[in-house]
Amino acid sequence: MANTSERTLRLLSLLQTSRFWPGTELAERLGVSERTLRRDVDRLRELGYRVDAVPGVGGGYQLRAGRAMPPLLLTDEEAVAIAVGLRTAAAGSAAGFAEAAVQALAKVVDMMPAGVRRRIDALRVSAVTPAPGGPRTDPMALLAVARACRDTERLRFGYTASDGRCTERLVEPHRLVQLHQRWYLPAWDTERRDWRTFRVDRMSGPEPTGTRFGPRALPGGDAEAFVRARLAVVPTRYRIVARVHAPVGEVEPVVDRWGAVEDAGGGWCRVVVHADDLDWPALVLLGTGAEFEAVEPQEFRDRLRTVAGRFLRAADDGG
């Protein structure tokens, strides 16, 4: 018979199959008496697992979903599947959950055995790319930053600015923010003695140093608002303006964090997007499912004509 700890873990693994287990069958699978089985079930309950019991002949046990989330037992394949699912959510395909997914992924990976972590690391080729068309971000870099934020550890990394200049940074990270298709980190720069905002896809080798710090109060207290304010003063290549023939309430969820939407009257709304390229704003506007008009700049209208011509030729060739 296995020792108590091993047997309890085995019992939990069986109960997590979500089926009802007759007491006699469960005891037989564990190689214990039904009395010992009852004690093991009581240990699980003390740990926070809600195990229902049906007494009498033909009685048994079943694990019930609870309000809290105690530890789970996962096979290696299940752990990898969860990590892949969280990475997909981190890419922005699950609206509103990207930042939470990165934090959850950091926790899951930390609990995995070394062999499973190596399997996850081998998947780094599937870089996180917030849709549509955003820059590719190394998921392991995201995890390193997320861990440093969670554990209030100073973070060291190389950083490439927009002008190509490379510097070494040592910061006290605040929180990851996904905005305008990119991941940003507002952080206190220890050398410059001021708050800075960093793009994660421009970081190289981010690594928590192990040095803890006392959290500072972020100006304004809202990480997303802080990043938005900083980006507002950073020049972009294009300021794209369009009119969309749909109510603001239908357009805002599509444009989301990528631009500003305001009512233009007559069933139209005005969308303003700041971007360094012309393709992804076109995809965002197309995603509204409504007629739209490109107002400015001329380069954006020209780009739409080029893309429209390609679509038309593709449709003709397919016919």
C-alpha atoms as a PDB file:
ATOM      1  CA  MET A   1       0.000   0.000   0.000  1.00  0.00           C
ATOM      2  CA  ALA A   2       1.337   3.460  -0.856  1.00  0.00           C
ATOM      3  CA  ASN A   3       2.070   5.949   1.913  1.00  0.00           C
ATOM      4  CA  THR A   4      -0.653   8.380   2.996  1.00  0.00           C
ATOM      5  CA  SER A   5       0.515  11.338   0.868  1.00  0.00           C
ATOM      6  CA  GLU A   6       0.902   9.288  -2.304  1.00  0.00           C
ATOM      7  CA  ARG A   7      -2.440   7.576  -1.704  1.00  0.00           C
ATOM      8  CA  THR A   8      -4.217  10.909  -1.158  1.00  0.00           C
ATOM      9  CA  LEU A   9      -2.809  12.257  -4.415  1.00  0.00           C
ATOM     10  CA  ARG A  10      -3.905   9.085  -6.199  1.00  0.00           C
ATOM     11  CA  LEU A  11      -7.385   9.449  -4.716  1.00  0.00           C
ATOM     12  CA  LEU A  12      -7.569  13.060  -5.895  1.00  0.00           C
ATOM     13  CA  SER A  13      -6.435  12.062  -9.372  1.00  0.00           C
ATOM     14  CA  LEU A  14      -9.230   9.487  -9.603  1.00  0.00           C
ATOM     15  CA  LEU A  15     -11.884  11.883  -8.294  1.00  0.00           C
ATOM     16  CA  GLN A  16     -10.855  14.565 -10.783  1.00  0.00           C
ATOM     17  CA  THR A  17     -12.138  12.389 -13.611  1.00  0.00           C
ATOM     18  CA  SER A  18     -15.546  13.890 -12.638  1.00  0.00           C
ATOM     19  CA  ARG A  19     -17.244  10.478 -12.462  1.00  0.00           C
ATOM     20  CA  PHE A  20     -19.091   8.980  -9.492  1.00  0.00           C
ATOM     21  CA  TRP A  21     -16.982   6.314  -7.791  1.00  0.00           C
ATOM     22  CA  PRO A  22     -18.640   3.524  -5.763  1.00  0.00           C
ATOM     23  CA  GLY A  23     -16.851   3.302  -2.428  1.00  0.00           C
ATOM     24  CA  THR A  24     -15.956  -0.349  -2.846  1.00  0.00           C
ATOM     25  CA  GLU A  25     -14.447   0.209  -6.289  1.00  0.00           C
ATOM     26  CA  LEU A  26     -12.482   3.255  -5.156  1.00  0.00           C
ATOM     27  CA  ALA A  27     -11.112   1.429  -2.118  1.00  0.00           C
ATOM     28  CA  GLU A  28     -10.111  -1.504  -4.321  1.00  0.00           C
ATOM     29  CA  ARG A  29      -8.307   0.789  -6.793  1.00  0.00           C
ATOM     30  CA  LEU A  30      -6.342   2.324  -3.905  1.00  0.00           C
ATOM     31  CA  GLY A  31      -5.709  -0.991  -2.139  1.00  0.00           C
ATOM     32  CA  VAL A  32      -7.196   0.164   1.163  1.00  0.00           C
ATOM     33  CA  SER A  33     -10.189  -0.573   3.360  1.00  0.00           C
ATOM     34  CA  GLU A  34     -13.337   1.532   3.089  1.00  0.00           C
ATOM     35  CA  ARG A  35     -12.599   2.940   6.545  1.00  0.00           C
ATOM     36  CA  THR A  36      -9.193   4.146   5.373  1.00  0.00           C
ATOM     37  CA  LEU A  37     -10.830   5.551   2.256  1.00  0.00           C
ATOM     38  CA  ARG A  38     -13.183   7.635   4.415  1.00  0.00           C
ATOM     39  CA  ARG A  39     -10.193   9.077   6.307  1.00  0.00           C
ATOM     40  CA  ASP A  40      -8.470   9.945   3.028  1.00  0.00           C
ATOM     41  CA  VAL A  41     -11.612  11.687   1.784  1.00  0.00           C
ATOM     42  CA  ASP A  42     -11.715  13.682   5.017  1.00  0.00           C
ATOM     43  CA  ARG A  43      -8.103  14.817   4.376  1.00  0.00           C
ATOM     44  CA  LEU A  44      -9.103  16.113   0.937  1.00  0.00           C
ATOM     45  CA  ARG A  45     -11.988  18.026   2.458  1.00  0.00           C
ATOM     46  CA  GLU A  46      -9.603  19.643   4.962  1.00  0.00           C
ATOM     47  CA  LEU A  47      -7.513  20.802   1.992  1.00  0.00           C
ATOM     48  CA  GLY A  48     -10.538  22.540   0.476  1.00  0.00           C
ATOM     49  CA  TYR A  49     -11.823  19.929  -1.953  1.00  0.00           C
ATOM     50  CA  ARG A  50     -15.588  19.453  -1.896  1.00  0.00           C
ATOM     51  CA  VAL A  51     -16.204  15.715  -2.019  1.00  0.00           C
ATOM     52  CA  ASP A  52     -19.824  14.547  -1.961  1.00  0.00           C
ATOM     53  CA  ALA A  53     -20.573  11.212  -0.299  1.00  0.00           C
ATOM     54  CA  VAL A  54     -23.570   8.926  -0.862  1.00  0.00           C
ATOM     55  CA  PRO A  55     -23.963   6.579   2.137  1.00  0.00           C
ATOM     56  CA  GLY A  56     -25.300   3.033   2.241  1.00  0.00           C
ATOM     57  CA  VAL A  57     -25.105   0.090  -0.104  1.00  0.00           C
ATOM     58  CA  GLY A  58     -24.052   1.282  -3.541  1.00  0.00           C
ATOM     59  CA  GLY A  59     -22.813   4.536  -2.043  1.00  0.00           C
ATOM     60  CA  GLY A  60     -19.677   6.324  -3.132  1.00  0.00           C
ATOM     61  CA  TYR A  61     -17.899   9.614  -3.744  1.00  0.00           C
ATOM     62  CA  GLN A  62     -17.756  12.391  -6.315  1.00  0.00           C
ATOM     63  CA  LEU A  63     -15.690  15.580  -6.476  1.00  0.00           C
ATOM     64  CA  ARG A  64     -17.848  18.692  -6.697  1.00  0.00           C
ATOM     65  CA  ALA A  65     -16.813  22.047  -8.139  1.00  0.00           C
ATOM     66  CA  GLY A  66     -16.151  24.566  -5.397  1.00  0.00           C
ATOM     67  CA  ARG A  67     -16.025  28.311  -4.981  1.00  0.00           C
ATOM     68  CA  ALA A  68     -12.296  28.245  -4.370  1.00  0.00           C
ATOM     69  CA  MET A  69      -9.676  26.635  -6.591  1.00  0.00           C
ATOM     70  CA  PRO A  70      -7.459  24.207  -4.684  1.00  0.00           C
ATOM     71  CA  PRO A  71      -4.434  22.641  -6.422  1.00  0.00           C
ATOM     72  CA  LEU A  72      -5.077  20.522  -9.501  1.00  0.00           C
ATOM     73  CA  LEU A  73      -3.394  17.324 -10.545  1.00  0.00           C
ATOM     74  CA  LEU A  74      -2.470  17.363 -14.211  1.00  0.00           C
ATOM     75  CA  THR A  75      -0.706  14.977 -16.530  1.00  0.00           C
ATOM     76  CA  ASP A  76       2.236  16.382 -18.503  1.00  0.00           C
ATOM     77  CA  GLU A  77       0.067  16.551 -21.636  1.00  0.00           C
ATOM     78  CA  GLU A  78      -2.713  18.387 -19.767  1.00  0.00           C
ATOM     79  CA  ALA A  79      -0.220  20.896 -18.347  1.00  0.00           C
ATOM     80  CA  VAL A  80       1.196  21.609 -21.807  1.00  0.00           C
ATOM     81  CA  ALA A  81      -2.332  21.973 -23.205  1.00  0.00           C
ATOM     82  CA  ILE A  82      -3.227  24.502 -20.512  1.00  0.00           C
ATOM     83  CA  ALA A  83      -0.073  26.501 -21.232  1.00  0.00           C
ATOM     84  CA  VAL A  84      -0.861  26.547 -24.956  1.00  0.00           C
ATOM     85  CA  GLY A  85      -4.437  27.652 -24.235  1.00  0.00           C
ATOM     86  CA  LEU A  86      -3.271  30.455 -21.961  1.00  0.00           C
ATOM     87  CA  ARG A  87      -0.763  31.549 -24.595  1.00  0.00           C
ATOM     88  CA  THR A  88      -3.583  31.751 -27.129  1.00  0.00           C
ATOM     89  CA  ALA A  89      -5.582  33.918 -24.721  1.00  0.00           C
ATOM     90  CA  ALA A  90      -2.486  36.055 -24.142  1.00  0.00           C
ATOM     91  CA  ALA A  91      -2.368  36.708 -27.879  1.00  0.00           C
ATOM     92  CA  GLY A  92      -5.608  38.619 -27.527  1.00  0.00           C
ATOM     93  CA  SER A  93      -8.010  36.138 -29.102  1.00  0.00           C
ATOM     94  CA  ALA A  94     -10.035  36.110 -25.862  1.00  0.00           C
ATOM     95  CA  ALA A  95     -11.029  39.748 -25.547  1.00  0.00           C
ATOM     96  CA  GLY A  96     -10.364  41.238 -22.129  1.00  0.00           C
ATOM     97  CA  PHE A  97      -8.376  38.267 -20.809  1.00  0.00           C
ATOM     98  CA  ALA A  98      -4.921  38.777 -22.331  1.00  0.00           C
ATOM     99  CA  GLU A  99      -3.250  40.322 -19.273  1.00  0.00           C
ATOM    100  CA  ALA A 100      -4.852  37.840 -16.869  1.00  0.00           C
ATOM    101  CA  ALA A 101      -3.773  34.984 -19.156  1.00  0.00           C
ATOM    102  CA  VAL A 102      -0.126  36.049 -18.979  1.00  0.00           C
ATOM    103  CA  GLN A 103      -0.249  36.175 -15.176  1.00  0.00           C
ATOM    104  CA  ALA A 104      -1.964  32.775 -15.033  1.00  0.00           C
ATOM    105  CA  LEU A 105       0.573  31.320 -17.463  1.00  0.00           C
ATOM    106  CA  ALA A 106       3.411  32.516 -15.227  1.00  0.00           C
ATOM    107  CA  LYS A 107       1.853  30.725 -12.252  1.00  0.00           C
ATOM    108  CA  VAL A 108       1.197  27.504 -14.170  1.00  0.00           C
ATOM    109  CA  VAL A 109       4.711  27.332 -15.618  1.00  0.00           C
ATOM    110  CA  ASP A 110       6.267  27.962 -12.193  1.00  0.00           C
ATOM    111  CA  MET A 111       4.475  24.900 -10.795  1.00  0.00           C
ATOM    112  CA  MET A 112       5.497  22.577 -13.636  1.00  0.00           C
ATOM    113  CA  PRO A 113       8.294  20.007 -13.337  1.00  0.00           C
ATOM    114  CA  ALA A 114      11.505  20.854 -15.194  1.00  0.00           C
ATOM    115  CA  GLY A 115      10.747  18.401 -18.003  1.00  0.00           C
ATOM    116  CA  VAL A 116       7.353  19.946 -18.704  1.00  0.00           C
ATOM    117  CA  ARG A 117       8.818  23.458 -18.577  1.00  0.00           C
ATOM    118  CA  ARG A 118      11.318  22.403 -21.245  1.00  0.00           C
ATOM    119  CA  ARG A 119       8.415  21.246 -23.440  1.00  0.00           C
ATOM    120  CA  ILE A 120       6.721  24.605 -22.968  1.00  0.00           C
ATOM    121  CA  ASP A 121       9.969  26.418 -23.740  1.00  0.00           C
ATOM    122  CA  ALA A 122      10.265  24.391 -26.944  1.00  0.00           C
ATOM    123  CA  LEU A 123       7.003  26.007 -28.059  1.00  0.00           C
ATOM    124  CA  ARG A 124       8.487  29.488 -27.906  1.00  0.00           C
ATOM    125  CA  VAL A 125       8.535  29.526 -31.720  1.00  0.00           C
ATOM    126  CA  SER A 126       4.807  30.189 -31.423  1.00  0.00           C
ATOM    127  CA  ALA A 127       5.485  33.762 -30.389  1.00  0.00           C
ATOM    128  CA  VAL A 128       2.625  35.762 -28.931  1.00  0.00           C
ATOM    129  CA  THR A 129       1.220  38.059 -31.608  1.00  0.00           C
ATOM    130  CA  PRO A 130      -1.754  40.197 -30.554  1.00  0.00           C
ATOM    131  CA  ALA A 131      -4.230  40.166 -33.437  1.00  0.00           C
ATOM    132  CA  PRO A 132      -4.422  41.576 -35.959  1.00  0.00           C
ATOM    133  CA  GLY A 133      -0.917  42.045 -37.299  1.00  0.00           C
ATOM    134  CA  GLY A 134       0.903  43.120 -34.154  1.00  0.00           C
ATOM    135  CA  PRO A 135       4.606  42.587 -33.466  1.00  0.00           C
ATOM    136  CA  ARG A 136       5.796  39.140 -32.415  1.00  0.00           C
ATOM    137  CA  THR A 137       6.627  38.896 -28.709  1.00  0.00           C
ATOM    138  CA  ASP A 138       8.621  36.073 -27.166  1.00  0.00           C
ATOM    139  CA  PRO A 139       6.241  34.393 -24.693  1.00  0.00           C
ATOM    140  CA  MET A 140       9.161  33.581 -22.392  1.00  0.00           C
ATOM    141  CA  ALA A 141       9.983  37.284 -22.241  1.00  0.00           C
ATOM    142  CA  LEU A 142       6.366  37.954 -21.280  1.00  0.00           C
ATOM    143  CA  LEU A 143       6.596  35.307 -18.568  1.00  0.00           C
ATOM    144  CA  ALA A 144       9.811  36.772 -17.184  1.00  0.00           C
ATOM    145  CA  VAL A 145       8.244  40.225 -16.990  1.00  0.00           C
ATOM    146  CA  ALA A 146       5.026  38.844 -15.490  1.00  0.00           C
ATOM    147  CA  ARG A 147       6.981  36.999 -12.784  1.00  0.00           C
ATOM    148  CA  ALA A 148       8.938  40.122 -11.895  1.00  0.00           C
ATOM    149  CA  CYS A 149       5.702  42.122 -11.607  1.00  0.00           C
ATOM    150  CA  ARG A 150       4.067  39.425  -9.491  1.00  0.00           C
ATOM    151  CA  ASP A 151       7.051  38.953  -7.165  1.00  0.00           C
ATOM    152  CA  THR A 152       8.002  42.674  -6.988  1.00  0.00           C
ATOM    153  CA  GLU A 153      11.522  41.873  -8.227  1.00  0.00           C
ATOM    154  CA  ARG A 154      13.757  44.265 -10.062  1.00  0.00           C
ATOM    155  CA  LEU A 155      14.027  43.406 -13.748  1.00  0.00           C
ATOM    156  CA  ARG A 156      17.085  43.744 -15.986  1.00  0.00           C
ATOM    157  CA  PHE A 157      16.941  43.754 -19.802  1.00  0.00           C
ATOM    158  CA  GLY A 158      18.404  45.202 -22.952  1.00  0.00           C
ATOM    159  CA  TYR A 159      16.146  47.701 -24.706  1.00  0.00           C
ATOM    160  CA  THR A 160      16.065  48.920 -28.298  1.00  0.00           C
ATOM    161  CA  ALA A 161      14.427  52.328 -28.700  1.00  0.00           C
ATOM    162  CA  SER A 162      12.472  53.425 -31.776  1.00  0.00           C
ATOM    163  CA  ASP A 163      15.590  55.150 -33.132  1.00  0.00           C
ATOM    164  CA  GLY A 164      17.575  51.892 -32.897  1.00  0.00           C
ATOM    165  CA  ARG A 165      19.619  52.943 -29.873  1.00  0.00           C
ATOM    166  CA  CYS A 166      20.303  50.054 -27.450  1.00  0.00           C
ATOM    167  CA  THR A 167      20.630  50.478 -23.696  1.00  0.00           C
ATOM    168  CA  GLU A 168      20.689  48.290 -20.577  1.00  0.00           C
ATOM    169  CA  ARG A 169      17.847  48.915 -18.134  1.00  0.00           C
ATOM    170  CA  LEU A 170      17.247  48.036 -14.498  1.00  0.00           C
ATOM    171  CA  VAL A 171      13.660  48.724 -13.476  1.00  0.00           C
ATOM    172  CA  GLU A 172      11.038  48.101 -10.815  1.00  0.00           C
ATOM    173  CA  PRO A 173       8.151  46.711 -12.920  1.00  0.00           C
ATOM    174  CA  HIS A 174       4.548  47.676 -12.197  1.00  0.00           C
ATOM    175  CA  ARG A 175       2.175  45.679 -14.442  1.00  0.00           C
ATOM    176  CA  LEU A 176       1.876  44.393 -17.997  1.00  0.00           C
ATOM    177  CA  VAL A 177      -0.581  46.247 -20.224  1.00  0.00           C
ATOM    178  CA  GLN A 178      -1.782  45.189 -23.670  1.00  0.00           C
ATOM    179  CA  LEU A 179      -2.612  48.211 -25.791  1.00  0.00           C
ATOM    180  CA  HIS A 180      -2.665  49.004 -29.518  1.00  0.00           C
ATOM    181  CA  GLN A 181      -1.629  45.416 -30.385  1.00  0.00           C
ATOM    182  CA  ARG A 182       1.458  45.598 -28.210  1.00  0.00           C
ATOM    183  CA  TRP A 183       2.554  44.632 -24.704  1.00  0.00           C
ATOM    184  CA  TYR A 184       3.799  47.491 -22.525  1.00  0.00           C
ATOM    185  CA  LEU A 185       5.458  47.625 -19.129  1.00  0.00           C
ATOM    186  CA  PRO A 186       5.166  50.758 -17.005  1.00  0.00           C
ATOM    187  CA  ALA A 187       8.112  50.639 -14.612  1.00  0.00           C
ATOM    188  CA  TRP A 188      10.291  52.786 -12.354  1.00  0.00           C
ATOM    189  CA  ASP A 189      13.694  53.214 -14.025  1.00  0.00           C
ATOM    190  CA  THR A 190      16.243  52.983 -11.207  1.00  0.00           C
ATOM    191  CA  GLU A 191      18.981  54.889 -13.080  1.00  0.00           C
ATOM    192  CA  ARG A 192      16.811  57.658 -14.501  1.00  0.00           C
ATOM    193  CA  ARG A 193      14.819  57.937 -11.271  1.00  0.00           C
ATOM    194  CA  ASP A 194      11.535  58.279 -13.118  1.00  0.00           C
ATOM    195  CA  TRP A 195       8.640  56.261 -14.532  1.00  0.00           C
ATOM    196  CA  ARG A 196       9.091  54.898 -18.033  1.00  0.00           C
ATOM    197  CA  THR A 197       7.015  52.785 -20.429  1.00  0.00           C
ATOM    198  CA  PHE A 198       8.701  49.911 -22.300  1.00  0.00           C
ATOM    199  CA  ARG A 199       7.510  47.780 -25.200  1.00  0.00           C
ATOM    200  CA  VAL A 200       8.092  44.114 -24.381  1.00  0.00           C
ATOM    201  CA  ASP A 201       8.819  43.196 -28.015  1.00  0.00           C
ATOM    202  CA  ARG A 202      11.777  45.617 -27.877  1.00  0.00           C
ATOM    203  CA  MET A 203      13.258  43.950 -24.779  1.00  0.00           C
ATOM    204  CA  SER A 204      16.086  41.437 -24.998  1.00  0.00           C
ATOM    205  CA  GLY A 205      16.844  38.912 -22.280  1.00  0.00           C
ATOM    206  CA  PRO A 206      14.521  40.221 -19.552  1.00  0.00           C
ATOM    207  CA  GLU A 207      15.532  38.561 -16.295  1.00  0.00           C
ATOM    208  CA  PRO A 208      14.314  39.095 -12.719  1.00  0.00           C
ATOM    209  CA  THR A 209      17.340  39.906 -10.536  1.00  0.00           C
ATOM    210  CA  GLY A 210      16.055  38.401  -7.304  1.00  0.00           C
ATOM    211  CA  THR A 211      16.208  41.802  -5.612  1.00  0.00           C
ATOM    212  CA  ARG A 212      12.851  42.723  -4.100  1.00  0.00           C
ATOM    213  CA  PHE A 213      11.499  46.261  -3.926  1.00  0.00           C
ATOM    214  CA  GLY A 214       8.693  48.108  -2.197  1.00  0.00           C
ATOM    215  CA  PRO A 215       5.960  48.951  -4.738  1.00  0.00           C
ATOM    216  CA  ARG A 216       5.735  52.630  -5.676  1.00  0.00           C
ATOM    217  CA  ALA A 217       2.536  54.502  -6.412  1.00  0.00           C
ATOM    218  CA  LEU A 218       2.076  54.757 -10.176  1.00  0.00           C
ATOM    219  CA  PRO A 219       1.109  58.307 -11.209  1.00  0.00           C
ATOM    220  CA  GLY A 220      -2.672  58.337 -11.589  1.00  0.00           C
ATOM    221  CA  GLY A 221      -2.927  54.798 -10.217  1.00  0.00           C
ATOM    222  CA  ASP A 222      -4.254  53.294 -13.489  1.00  0.00           C
ATOM    223  CA  ALA A 223      -1.641  51.367 -15.501  1.00  0.00           C
ATOM    224  CA  GLU A 224      -3.580  51.427 -18.782  1.00  0.00           C
ATOM    225  CA  ALA A 225      -4.344  55.143 -18.482  1.00  0.00           C
ATOM    226  CA  PHE A 226      -0.680  55.793 -17.711  1.00  0.00           C
ATOM    227  CA  VAL A 227       0.463  53.941 -20.848  1.00  0.00           C
ATOM    228  CA  ARG A 228      -2.171  55.685 -22.969  1.00  0.00           C
ATOM    229  CA  ALA A 229      -0.999  59.093 -21.735  1.00  0.00           C
ATOM    230  CA  ARG A 230       2.635  58.276 -22.496  1.00  0.00           C
ATOM    231  CA  LEU A 231       1.819  56.987 -25.976  1.00  0.00           C
ATOM    232  CA  ALA A 232      -0.263  60.068 -26.727  1.00  0.00           C
ATOM    233  CA  VAL A 233       2.882  62.211 -26.735  1.00  0.00           C
ATOM    234  CA  VAL A 234       4.924  59.724 -28.790  1.00  0.00           C
ATOM    235  CA  PRO A 235       4.692  60.546 -32.498  1.00  0.00           C
ATOM    236  CA  THR A 236       3.463  57.827 -34.848  1.00  0.00           C
ATOM    237  CA  ARG A 237       3.878  57.693 -38.585  1.00  0.00           C
ATOM    238  CA  TYR A 238       0.180  57.945 -39.404  1.00  0.00           C
ATOM    239  CA  ARG A 239      -2.932  59.483 -37.926  1.00  0.00           C
ATOM    240  CA  ILE A 240      -5.767  57.617 -39.613  1.00  0.00           C
ATOM    241  CA  VAL A 241      -9.287  59.032 -39.592  1.00  0.00           C
ATOM    242  CA  ALA A 242     -12.325  57.180 -40.917  1.00  0.00           C
ATOM    243  CA  ARG A 243     -16.117  57.435 -40.815  1.00  0.00           C
ATOM    244  CA  VAL A 244     -18.002  54.213 -40.068  1.00  0.00           C
ATOM    245  CA  HIS A 245     -21.690  53.790 -40.860  1.00  0.00           C
ATOM    246  CA  ALA A 246     -22.655  52.202 -37.538  1.00  0.00           C
ATOM    247  CA  PRO A 247     -23.482  53.315 -33.992  1.00  0.00           C
ATOM    248  CA  VAL A 248     -20.670  53.993 -31.556  1.00  0.00           C
ATOM    249  CA  GLY A 249     -21.823  51.107 -29.364  1.00  0.00           C
ATOM    250  CA  GLU A 250     -21.249  48.624 -32.198  1.00  0.00           C
ATOM    251  CA  VAL A 251     -17.900  50.026 -33.323  1.00  0.00           C
ATOM    252  CA  GLU A 252     -16.214  50.563 -29.948  1.00  0.00           C
ATOM    253  CA  PRO A 253     -15.980  46.854 -29.036  1.00  0.00           C
ATOM    254  CA  VAL A 254     -14.207  46.167 -32.343  1.00  0.00           C
ATOM    255  CA  VAL A 255     -11.842  49.122 -32.254  1.00  0.00           C
ATOM    256  CA  ASP A 256     -11.386  48.465 -28.510  1.00  0.00           C
ATOM    257  CA  ARG A 257      -8.017  49.776 -27.330  1.00  0.00           C
ATOM    258  CA  TRP A 258      -6.657  50.497 -30.798  1.00  0.00           C
ATOM    259  CA  GLY A 259      -8.283  53.879 -31.348  1.00  0.00           C
ATOM    260  CA  ALA A 260     -10.861  56.465 -30.356  1.00  0.00           C
ATOM    261  CA  VAL A 261     -14.508  56.378 -31.445  1.00  0.00           C
ATOM    262  CA  GLU A 262     -16.993  59.245 -31.288  1.00  0.00           C
ATOM    263  CA  ASP A 263     -20.490  59.871 -32.590  1.00  0.00           C
ATOM    264  CA  ALA A 264     -20.584  61.735 -35.927  1.00  0.00           C
ATOM    265  CA  GLY A 265     -24.384  61.934 -36.214  1.00  0.00           C
ATOM    266  CA  GLY A 266     -26.751  60.467 -38.768  1.00  0.00           C
ATOM    267  CA  GLY A 267     -25.888  56.881 -37.836  1.00  0.00           C
ATOM    268  CA  TRP A 268     -22.168  57.427 -38.437  1.00  0.00           C
ATOM    269  CA  CYS A 269     -19.222  57.504 -36.064  1.00  0.00           C
ATOM    270  CA  ARG A 270     -15.703  58.863 -36.365  1.00  0.00           C
ATOM    271  CA  VAL A 271     -12.707  56.625 -35.711  1.00  0.00           C
ATOM    272  CA  VAL A 272      -9.177  57.931 -35.104  1.00  0.00           C
ATOM    273  CA  VAL A 273      -6.246  55.514 -34.987  1.00  0.00           C
ATOM    274  CA  HIS A 274      -2.549  56.307 -34.552  1.00  0.00           C
ATOM    275  CA  ALA A 275      -0.287  53.723 -36.177  1.00  0.00           C
ATOM    276  CA  ASP A 276       3.084  53.130 -37.764  1.00  0.00           C
ATOM    277  CA  ASP A 277       1.671  51.078 -40.641  1.00  0.00           C
ATOM    278  CA  LEU A 278      -1.495  51.099 -42.756  1.00  0.00           C
ATOM    279  CA  ASP A 279      -2.534  47.458 -42.857  1.00  0.00           C
ATOM    280  CA  TRP A 280      -3.815  46.659 -39.381  1.00  0.00           C
ATOM    281  CA  PRO A 281      -6.041  49.798 -39.154  1.00  0.00           C
ATOM    282  CA  ALA A 282      -7.669  48.598 -42.387  1.00  0.00           C
ATOM    283  CA  LEU A 283      -8.298  45.200 -40.778  1.00  0.00           C
ATOM    284  CA  VAL A 284      -9.787  46.836 -37.708  1.00  0.00           C
ATOM    285  CA  LEU A 285     -12.188  48.921 -39.796  1.00  0.00           C
ATOM    286  CA  LEU A 286     -13.076  45.883 -41.904  1.00  0.00           C
ATOM    287  CA  GLY A 287     -13.813  44.029 -38.688  1.00  0.00           C
ATOM    288  CA  THR A 288     -16.666  46.413 -37.858  1.00  0.00           C
ATOM    289  CA  GLY A 289     -18.735  44.747 -40.585  1.00  0.00           C
ATOM    290  CA  ALA A 290     -20.054  48.161 -41.663  1.00  0.00           C
ATOM    291  CA  GLU A 291     -19.507  50.528 -44.579  1.00  0.00           C
ATOM    292  CA  PHE A 292     -16.731  53.026 -43.878  1.00  0.00           C
ATOM    293  CA  GLU A 293     -15.057  55.974 -45.548  1.00  0.00           C
ATOM    294  CA  ALA A 294     -11.349  56.770 -45.295  1.00  0.00           C
ATOM    295  CA  VAL A 295     -10.997  60.469 -44.469  1.00  0.00           C
ATOM    296  CA  GLU A 296      -7.231  60.829 -44.065  1.00  0.00           C
ATOM    297  CA  PRO A 297      -4.386  60.511 -44.824  1.00  0.00           C
ATOM    298  CA  GLN A 298      -4.098  60.103 -48.579  1.00  0.00           C
ATOM    299  CA  GLU A 299      -1.639  57.233 -48.074  1.00  0.00           C
ATOM    300  CA  PHE A 300      -4.341  55.263 -46.269  1.00  0.00           C
ATOM    301  CA  ARG A 301      -6.842  55.764 -49.101  1.00  0.00           C
ATOM    302  CA  ASP A 302      -4.197  54.678 -51.602  1.00  0.00           C
ATOM    303  CA  ARG A 303      -3.432  51.591 -49.541  1.00  0.00           C
ATOM    304  CA  LEU A 304      -7.126  50.649 -49.421  1.00  0.00           C
ATOM    305  CA  ARG A 305      -7.354  50.926 -53.223  1.00  0.00           C
ATOM    306  CA  THR A 306      -4.326  48.650 -53.624  1.00  0.00           C
ATOM    307  CA  VAL A 307      -5.691  46.039 -51.225  1.00  0.00           C
ATOM    308  CA  ALA A 308      -9.187  46.245 -52.748  1.00  0.00           C
ATOM    309  CA  GLY A 309      -7.708  45.602 -56.186  1.00  0.00           C
ATOM    310  CA  ARG A 310      -5.962  42.490 -54.909  1.00  0.00           C
ATOM    311  CA  PHE A 311      -9.185  41.170 -53.399  1.00  0.00           C
ATOM    312  CA  LEU A 312     -11.080  41.789 -56.629  1.00  0.00           C
ATOM    313  CA  ARG A 313      -8.450  40.024 -58.707  1.00  0.00           C
ATOM    314  CA  ALA A 314      -8.430  37.120 -56.264  1.00  0.00           C
ATOM    315  CA  ALA A 315     -12.224  36.837 -56.542  1.00  0.00           C
ATOM    316  CA  ASP A 316     -12.068  36.948 -60.352  1.00  0.00           C
ATOM    317  CA  ASP A 317      -9.298  34.341 -60.502  1.00  0.00           C
ATOM    318  CA  GLY A 318     -11.279  32.096 -58.183  1.00  0.00           C
ATOM    319  CA  GLY A 319     -14.271  32.254 -60.475  1.00  0.00           C
END
